């Protein structure tokens, strides 16, 4: 599997937000997208998912132009995990995860045994099977984020697109989500995720893309891409990138004047 984004321009209607964006993503690879608020990350994700039409360029999956696919076919290939989810109805966790099978159901059909088995596998993969009968609106924020990932997995996608999956989570739950991202990529799923913490890229990403003003200003391995210079350009503040001895990773911290 290879997702190829070629000279993509994207935006809303006639308004262009990003342009000349190109990258590839292979099976089992994690690409972390970093950028300031308003930089175009969410709009790019919506374009990848077919929710917004490309203004220029191509999105190809295994060589096929995704723009020519039906919405259902795109949804079967690429699943989405939002950064927040307002829940109003008391569905059980298992029912929420079963909703991830919608793109694989025939019109007017309800989920069957195959779909239930896929939902149970997704819950088990994320280690949250014990939440199956709990009410989604009554579990913690970290647990809800895991459920949203399970919902996406239940659809058996090739590509998982995650829009700030660690937003609003405490330190422990952020770490747990990032650990799951690495485990999922090891199964062959390609993952694109955005985050506001550059340090997260060192924990889970194979490559990092820096998006500023709707354009990629850097693309490559975390160690080569996340530097004090690129982060200053991206966020407009001084940042120190500090290697952790013996870990092969680094942490990022603002430098206050």
Protein backbone atom coordinates (compact mmCIF):
# COMPACT_ATOMS: atom_id res chain seq x y z
CA UNK A 1 0.00 0.00 0.00
CA UNK A 2 1.22 3.50 -0.82
CA UNK A 3 -0.59 6.79 -0.37
CA UNK A 4 0.85 9.45 -2.66
CA UNK A 5 -0.06 13.13 -2.36
CA UNK A 6 1.09 14.99 -5.46
CA UNK A 7 1.28 18.79 -5.70
CA UNK A 8 -1.92 19.14 -3.72
CA UNK A 9 -3.72 22.45 -3.37
CA UNK A 10 -6.60 22.54 -0.90
CA UNK A 11 -9.04 24.93 0.70
CA UNK A 12 -12.70 25.89 1.02
CA UNK A 13 -14.52 26.82 -2.18
CA UNK A 14 -12.46 29.41 -4.03
CA UNK A 15 -10.30 30.12 -0.98
CA UNK A 16 -6.94 28.33 -1.12
CA UNK A 17 -5.42 27.40 2.24
CA UNK A 18 -2.55 25.17 1.12
CA UNK A 19 -0.65 24.46 -2.08
CA UNK A 20 2.22 22.41 -3.53
CA UNK A 21 1.95 19.74 -0.83
CA UNK A 22 3.56 16.43 -1.78
CA UNK A 23 4.44 13.37 0.28
CA UNK A 24 4.12 9.61 0.29
CA UNK A 25 3.08 7.20 3.01
CA UNK A 26 3.73 3.46 2.98
CA UNK A 27 2.10 0.62 4.88
CA UNK A 28 3.24 0.53 8.49
CA UNK A 29 4.65 4.06 8.40
CA UNK A 30 3.73 6.90 10.78
CA UNK A 31 3.84 10.46 9.46
CA UNK A 32 3.46 13.22 12.05
CA UNK A 33 2.14 16.57 10.83
CA UNK A 34 3.21 19.62 12.84
CA UNK A 35 2.07 23.19 12.37
CA UNK A 36 0.56 26.21 14.10
CA UNK A 37 -3.17 26.86 14.46
CA UNK A 38 -4.64 27.96 11.15
CA UNK A 39 -1.79 26.39 9.20
CA UNK A 40 -4.07 24.08 7.20
CA UNK A 41 -3.68 20.73 8.97
CA UNK A 42 -7.38 19.93 9.41
CA UNK A 43 -8.26 21.18 5.92
CA UNK A 44 -5.53 18.95 4.49
CA UNK A 45 -6.95 15.98 6.37
CA UNK A 46 -10.48 16.69 5.09
CA UNK A 47 -9.11 16.79 1.55
CA UNK A 48 -7.28 13.48 1.99
CA UNK A 49 -10.55 11.95 3.22
CA UNK A 50 -12.51 13.23 0.23
CA UNK A 51 -14.64 15.56 2.36
CA UNK A 52 -13.25 18.51 0.39
CA UNK A 53 -12.29 18.30 -3.30
CA UNK A 54 -8.65 19.03 -4.18
CA UNK A 55 -8.20 22.41 -5.83
CA UNK A 56 -5.20 21.02 -7.72
CA UNK A 57 -3.00 17.96 -7.68
CA UNK A 58 -3.76 14.33 -6.96
CA UNK A 59 -4.25 11.92 -4.07
CA UNK A 60 -3.45 8.38 -5.11
CA UNK A 61 -3.76 5.10 -3.24
CA UNK A 62 -1.78 2.30 -4.88
CA UNK A 63 -1.70 4.41 -8.02
CA UNK A 64 -5.47 4.99 -8.23
CA UNK A 65 -6.83 8.55 -8.15
CA UNK A 66 -8.94 8.73 -4.98
CA UNK A 67 -10.97 11.65 -6.41
CA UNK A 68 -12.66 9.15 -8.74
CA UNK A 69 -13.75 6.87 -5.92
CA UNK A 70 -17.14 6.80 -4.24
CA UNK A 71 -17.42 8.12 -0.71
CA UNK A 72 -17.98 4.57 0.54
CA UNK A 73 -14.83 3.29 -1.15
CA UNK A 74 -12.74 6.12 0.32
CA UNK A 75 -14.22 5.43 3.77
CA UNK A 76 -13.30 1.74 3.50
CA UNK A 77 -9.68 2.61 2.66
CA UNK A 78 -9.10 5.59 4.96
CA UNK A 79 -10.51 6.01 8.46
CA UNK A 80 -10.64 9.19 10.53
CA UNK A 81 -10.12 9.79 14.23
CA UNK A 82 -11.26 13.31 15.21
CA UNK A 83 -9.64 15.40 17.93
CA UNK A 84 -12.89 15.73 19.86
CA UNK A 85 -16.29 14.09 19.83
CA UNK A 86 -19.40 15.53 21.42
CA UNK A 87 -21.58 12.59 22.48
CA UNK A 88 -25.22 13.18 23.33
CA UNK A 89 -26.81 9.73 23.16
CA UNK A 90 -26.12 6.90 25.63
CA UNK A 91 -24.70 4.36 23.20
CA UNK A 92 -22.60 1.59 24.63
CA UNK A 93 -18.92 1.53 23.75
CA UNK A 94 -19.46 -1.54 21.58
CA UNK A 95 -22.25 0.23 19.66
CA UNK A 96 -19.97 3.21 19.01
CA UNK A 97 -17.23 0.94 17.70
CA UNK A 98 -19.74 -0.92 15.50
CA UNK A 99 -20.48 2.41 13.79
CA UNK A 100 -17.05 2.11 12.23
CA UNK A 101 -18.44 -0.68 10.04
CA UNK A 102 -20.94 1.63 8.30
CA UNK A 103 -18.92 1.97 5.08
CA UNK A 104 -18.82 -1.84 4.72
CA UNK A 105 -22.58 -2.36 5.05
CA UNK A 106 -25.01 -2.58 2.16
CA UNK A 107 -27.70 0.12 1.99
CA UNK A 108 -30.33 -0.30 4.73
CA UNK A 109 -28.47 -3.31 6.18
CA UNK A 110 -27.64 -3.62 9.85
CA UNK A 111 -24.39 -4.98 11.27
CA UNK A 112 -24.09 -8.77 11.36
CA UNK A 113 -21.80 -11.31 12.95
CA UNK A 114 -18.82 -10.36 10.77
CA UNK A 115 -19.22 -6.73 11.80
CA UNK A 116 -19.60 -7.60 15.47
CA UNK A 117 -16.44 -9.71 15.28
CA UNK A 118 -14.54 -6.83 13.67
CA UNK A 119 -15.70 -4.48 16.45
CA UNK A 120 -14.63 -6.97 19.13
CA UNK A 121 -11.21 -7.36 17.49
CA UNK A 122 -10.74 -3.59 17.46
CA UNK A 123 -11.63 -3.36 21.14
CA UNK A 124 -9.26 -6.20 21.96
CA UNK A 125 -6.44 -4.69 19.89
CA UNK A 126 -6.61 -1.52 21.96
CA UNK A 127 -7.03 -3.41 25.22
CA UNK A 128 -10.41 -1.88 26.02
CA UNK A 129 -12.67 -4.91 25.69
CA UNK A 130 -13.62 -4.48 29.34
CA UNK A 131 -15.35 -1.21 28.39
CA UNK A 132 -17.59 -2.91 25.83
CA UNK A 133 -20.87 -2.56 27.74
CA UNK A 134 -20.06 0.77 29.38
CA UNK A 135 -21.96 3.88 28.28
CA UNK A 136 -19.76 5.99 26.03
CA UNK A 137 -20.84 9.29 27.61
CA UNK A 138 -19.85 8.03 31.07
CA UNK A 139 -16.24 6.99 30.46
CA UNK A 140 -13.17 9.20 30.76
CA UNK A 141 -11.71 11.39 28.01
CA UNK A 142 -8.75 9.08 27.54
CA UNK A 143 -11.05 6.06 27.27
CA UNK A 144 -13.28 7.89 24.76
CA UNK A 145 -10.25 8.61 22.57
CA UNK A 146 -9.34 4.92 22.59
CA UNK A 147 -12.92 4.09 21.61
CA UNK A 148 -12.75 6.49 18.65
CA UNK A 149 -9.56 4.78 17.50
CA UNK A 150 -11.28 1.40 17.89
CA UNK A 151 -14.23 2.69 15.84
CA UNK A 152 -11.85 3.63 13.03
CA UNK A 153 -10.05 0.28 13.24
CA UNK A 154 -13.31 -1.66 13.04
CA UNK A 155 -13.63 -0.50 9.44
CA UNK A 156 -10.36 -2.32 8.61
CA UNK A 157 -8.73 0.67 6.86
CA UNK A 158 -5.40 0.81 5.10
CA UNK A 159 -4.77 4.39 6.24
CA UNK A 160 -5.63 5.92 9.61
CA UNK A 161 -5.87 9.73 9.75
CA UNK A 162 -5.79 11.16 13.28
CA UNK A 163 -6.47 14.86 13.92
CA UNK A 164 -4.72 15.76 17.19
CA UNK A 165 -5.59 12.47 18.91
CA UNK A 166 -3.86 13.57 22.14
CA UNK A 167 -5.64 16.92 22.44
CA UNK A 168 -7.12 17.56 25.91
CA UNK A 169 -5.65 14.33 27.31
CA UNK A 170 -3.49 14.18 30.42
CA UNK A 171 0.16 13.16 30.20
CA UNK A 172 -0.49 9.48 30.87
CA UNK A 173 -3.28 9.16 28.32
CA UNK A 174 -1.22 11.02 25.71
CA UNK A 175 1.52 8.44 26.15
CA UNK A 176 -0.94 5.55 25.92
CA UNK A 177 -2.43 6.88 22.67
CA UNK A 178 1.03 7.33 21.13
CA UNK A 179 2.00 3.79 22.19
CA UNK A 180 -1.09 2.49 20.41
CA UNK A 181 -0.16 4.45 17.28
CA UNK A 182 3.17 2.59 17.15
CA UNK A 183 1.48 -0.77 17.76
CA UNK A 184 -1.08 -0.15 15.02
CA UNK A 185 1.60 0.81 12.51
CA UNK A 186 3.39 -2.46 13.32
CA UNK A 187 0.31 -4.31 12.01
CA UNK A 188 0.74 -2.66 8.60
CA UNK A 189 -1.64 0.28 8.94
CA UNK A 190 -0.29 3.59 7.64
CA UNK A 191 -0.91 6.46 10.07
CA UNK A 192 -1.01 10.22 9.53
CA UNK A 193 -1.47 12.21 12.72
CA UNK A 194 -1.25 15.83 13.77
CA UNK A 195 -0.16 17.16 17.12
CA UNK A 196 0.84 20.43 18.75
CA UNK A 197 3.67 18.80 20.71
CA UNK A 198 6.81 18.29 18.58
CA UNK A 199 8.09 15.84 21.19
CA UNK A 200 5.33 13.42 20.23
CA UNK A 201 6.97 12.92 16.85
CA UNK A 202 10.08 11.50 18.52
CA UNK A 203 7.89 8.96 20.32
CA UNK A 204 5.91 7.56 17.41
CA UNK A 205 6.80 8.96 13.98
CA UNK A 206 8.97 7.60 11.20
CA UNK A 207 8.82 10.93 9.39
CA UNK A 208 7.68 14.46 10.19
CA UNK A 209 6.04 17.04 7.91
CA UNK A 210 6.11 20.69 8.94
CA UNK A 211 3.14 22.63 7.54
CA UNK A 212 3.28 26.42 7.73
CA UNK A 213 1.02 28.77 5.82
CA UNK A 214 -0.39 25.84 3.90
CA UNK A 215 2.98 24.70 2.56
CA UNK A 216 5.42 22.02 3.64
CA UNK A 217 8.60 23.69 4.85
CA UNK A 218 10.34 20.45 5.86
CA UNK A 219 9.82 16.71 5.52
CA UNK A 220 12.00 13.93 6.89
CA UNK A 221 12.98 11.87 9.94
CA UNK A 222 12.24 13.52 13.31
CA UNK A 223 15.92 13.92 14.23
CA UNK A 224 16.69 15.79 11.00
CA UNK A 225 13.45 17.77 10.75
CA UNK A 226 12.71 18.94 14.29
CA UNK A 227 15.41 21.47 15.09
CA UNK A 228 15.46 24.78 16.98
CA UNK A 229 15.60 26.59 13.64
CA UNK A 230 12.64 24.83 12.03
CA UNK A 231 10.53 25.11 15.18
CA UNK A 232 11.24 28.83 15.45
CA UNK A 233 10.17 29.24 11.85
CA UNK A 234 7.06 27.14 12.45
CA UNK A 235 5.86 28.62 15.74
CA UNK A 236 7.70 31.92 16.04
CA UNK A 237 9.26 31.11 19.42
CA UNK A 238 12.65 29.92 20.63
CA UNK A 239 12.70 26.16 21.31
CA UNK A 240 15.45 23.90 22.63
CA UNK A 241 15.64 20.33 21.31
CA UNK A 242 17.38 18.23 23.96
CA UNK A 243 18.56 14.67 23.20
CA UNK A 244 17.83 12.03 25.84
CA UNK A 245 21.02 10.02 26.45
CA UNK A 246 20.56 6.32 25.79
CA UNK A 247 17.07 6.70 24.31
CA UNK A 248 17.75 7.86 20.77
CA UNK A 249 15.02 10.46 21.24
CA UNK A 250 14.75 14.12 22.12
CA UNK A 251 12.42 16.42 24.00
CA UNK A 252 11.40 19.93 22.99
CA UNK A 253 10.98 22.81 25.41
CA UNK A 254 10.31 26.52 24.88
CA UNK A 255 13.11 28.90 25.81
CA UNK A 256 11.63 31.86 27.68
CA UNK A 257 13.35 35.21 27.33
